[in-house]
Structure formats: C-alpha cells, structure tokens
Amino acid sequence: MNNLIKLIIVSALAWYGFGVAVNYGGIWQSQAAPRAVDVTFANHKAMHGDLHYDWSGQAVLIDKDGKEVRFGADALEMMSSAVPEDHNFEFFSNWREFVPVYVVFLVWLFFALSIVKKINK
C-alpha cells in the first residue's frame, strides 16, 4: 500500500479517535467531579443534585437523599449550574478530560512520523 494512503488512513482514524477521546474524557471527569445542578424535566418535575455521566453517556443525577435518576438529553427541559464563588479553574484539576486526547494524539504522531520517515527515504 502506498505510504501516502497509509498516512491518510491513520489520520482519518485519529480524527475519529479524537471525538471518542473527548467524549470519554468528559465522562471520566464528570464521574470524578460531579457538578451540582438544577434540572427541570420535560414533565415539569424539578430536581437538584449532583450530575455525572455513566460510560454509556447517560446522565445520572443523585439528589441529597442518595436517590439516583438516570435520563437522556431528550428528557430535559432545562438544566442550570452555578460555579461556586470560591472555585478557581486550574488546568490540572481537569486532567481526566485531556489525557485521552493526548494519548490519541501521541499514537497518531508515532504512526504519522514513522510513515513520513518512510516517504522521505
């Protein structure tokens, strides 16, 4: 197979991998640091609790009594969240969001450089 075609295929796979990595990185971060939210469902029922996502991408809201409610985006009418006043955003506090993207990038870079090296020979 032509090395240029290999590079295109590896880059296309990396493009898909970046999207998957961003999705799973967000899920991983949400499980480690759930966010306090107010949710109004399509049936006009309102709840307050900590929100995170499971690995299938479904939202999980846990109220103060420990009751767990799972729902999809189509069940929502409105969701709001306030950032606490004492919250200082630090890049490294959200490392779980970025690690999967870095891993995909490094794998792509390894393969792309090895293919480019073959092209330049």
Protein backbone atom coordinates (compact mmCIF):
# COMPACT_ATOMS: atom_id res chain seq x y z
CA MET A 1 0.00 0.00 0.00
CA ASN A 2 1.23 3.46 -0.81
CA ASN A 3 2.68 5.29 2.22
CA LEU A 4 0.60 8.37 1.50
CA ILE A 5 -2.60 6.31 1.61
CA LYS A 6 -1.42 4.82 4.93
CA LEU A 7 -0.94 8.33 6.30
CA ILE A 8 -4.43 9.35 5.18
CA ILE A 9 -5.97 6.25 6.78
CA VAL A 10 -4.07 6.78 10.05
CA SER A 11 -5.13 10.45 10.09
CA ALA A 12 -8.78 9.55 9.44
CA LEU A 13 -8.71 7.03 12.29
CA ALA A 14 -7.12 9.65 14.54
CA TRP A 15 -9.87 12.14 13.59
CA TYR A 16 -12.47 9.63 14.74
CA GLY A 17 -10.35 8.81 17.81
CA PHE A 18 -10.21 12.46 18.88
CA GLY A 19 -14.01 12.63 19.03
CA VAL A 20 -14.23 9.43 21.04
CA ALA A 21 -11.43 10.60 23.36
CA VAL A 22 -13.16 13.93 24.03
CA ASN A 23 -16.42 12.11 24.82
CA TYR A 24 -14.89 9.56 27.20
CA GLY A 25 -12.62 12.18 28.79
CA GLY A 26 -15.68 14.27 29.65
CA ILE A 27 -17.44 11.24 31.12
CA TRP A 28 -14.36 10.33 33.17
CA GLN A 29 -14.07 13.89 34.53
CA SER A 30 -17.79 14.07 35.35
CA GLN A 31 -17.54 10.88 37.41
CA ALA A 32 -14.56 12.21 39.36
CA ALA A 33 -16.06 15.66 39.95
CA PRO A 34 -19.88 15.65 39.73
CA ARG A 35 -21.47 19.06 39.24
CA ALA A 36 -24.29 20.46 41.36
CA VAL A 37 -27.21 21.23 39.02
CA ASP A 38 -30.87 22.17 38.96
CA VAL A 39 -32.80 20.13 36.42
CA THR A 40 -36.30 20.61 35.04
CA PHE A 41 -37.55 17.59 33.13
CA ALA A 42 -39.92 17.62 30.17
CA ASN A 43 -42.76 16.57 32.51
CA HIS A 44 -42.05 19.79 34.53
CA LYS A 45 -40.66 17.90 37.54
CA ALA A 46 -37.70 19.76 39.07
CA MET A 47 -34.75 18.23 40.92
CA HIS A 48 -31.49 19.40 42.44
CA GLY A 49 -28.46 17.16 42.82
CA ASP A 50 -25.03 16.12 41.63
CA LEU A 51 -24.77 15.26 37.95
CA HIS A 52 -22.33 12.90 36.27
CA TYR A 53 -22.46 10.62 33.22
CA ASP A 54 -22.09 6.85 33.06
CA TRP A 55 -19.91 5.17 30.43
CA SER A 56 -22.83 4.77 28.06
CA GLY A 57 -23.27 8.57 28.07
CA GLN A 58 -26.49 8.56 30.06
CA ALA A 59 -26.86 11.34 32.64
CA VAL A 60 -27.07 10.32 36.30
CA LEU A 61 -28.48 12.77 38.86
CA ILE A 62 -28.07 11.94 42.55
CA ASP A 63 -30.16 14.03 44.95
CA LYS A 64 -29.32 14.83 48.59
CA ASP A 65 -31.10 11.66 49.79
CA GLY A 66 -28.96 9.48 47.52
CA LYS A 67 -31.78 8.77 45.06
CA GLU A 68 -30.35 8.15 41.60
CA VAL A 69 -32.20 9.29 38.47
CA ARG A 70 -30.92 8.33 35.01
CA PHE A 71 -32.06 10.25 31.95
CA GLY A 72 -31.15 11.19 28.41
CA ALA A 73 -30.95 14.64 26.86
CA ASP A 74 -34.44 14.28 25.39
CA ALA A 75 -35.94 14.10 28.90
CA LEU A 76 -34.71 17.60 29.80
CA GLU A 77 -36.49 20.87 29.52
CA MET A 78 -33.82 22.92 31.30
CA MET A 79 -30.61 22.40 33.28
CA SER A 80 -28.62 25.04 35.11
CA SER A 81 -25.49 25.05 37.20
CA ALA A 82 -23.69 27.75 39.12
CA VAL A 83 -19.94 27.85 39.53
CA PRO A 84 -19.11 28.30 43.23
CA GLU A 85 -17.58 31.68 44.07
CA ASP A 86 -14.51 30.07 45.63
CA HIS A 87 -13.88 27.93 42.53
CA ASN A 88 -10.62 28.65 40.76
CA PHE A 89 -10.22 26.87 37.45
CA GLU A 90 -6.94 25.05 37.29
CA PHE A 91 -5.89 23.25 34.14
CA PHE A 92 -4.53 20.26 36.02
CA SER A 93 -7.66 19.80 38.10
CA ASN A 94 -9.44 18.65 34.91
CA TRP A 95 -6.67 16.38 33.68
CA ARG A 96 -9.08 13.47 33.09
CA GLU A 97 -10.72 15.39 30.25
CA PHE A 98 -7.47 15.89 28.38
CA VAL A 99 -5.48 12.66 28.93
CA PRO A 100 -7.45 10.56 26.40
CA VAL A 101 -6.97 13.25 23.75
CA TYR A 102 -3.22 13.39 24.44
CA VAL A 103 -2.98 9.60 24.16
CA VAL A 104 -4.75 9.58 20.78
CA PHE A 105 -2.51 12.43 19.61
CA LEU A 106 0.67 10.63 20.69
CA VAL A 107 -0.39 7.40 18.98
CA TRP A 108 -1.23 9.32 15.79
CA LEU A 109 2.06 11.22 15.98
CA PHE A 110 4.05 8.00 16.37
CA PHE A 111 2.42 6.37 13.34
CA ALA A 112 2.43 9.55 11.24
CA LEU A 113 6.12 10.19 11.85
CA SER A 114 7.03 6.60 11.06
CA ILE A 115 5.07 6.80 7.78
CA VAL A 116 6.57 10.20 6.86
CA LYS A 117 10.01 8.80 7.56
CA LYS A 118 9.32 6.00 5.04
CA ILE A 119 8.03 8.54 2.49
CA ASN A 120 11.19 10.63 2.76
CA LYS A 121 13.52 7.65 2.17
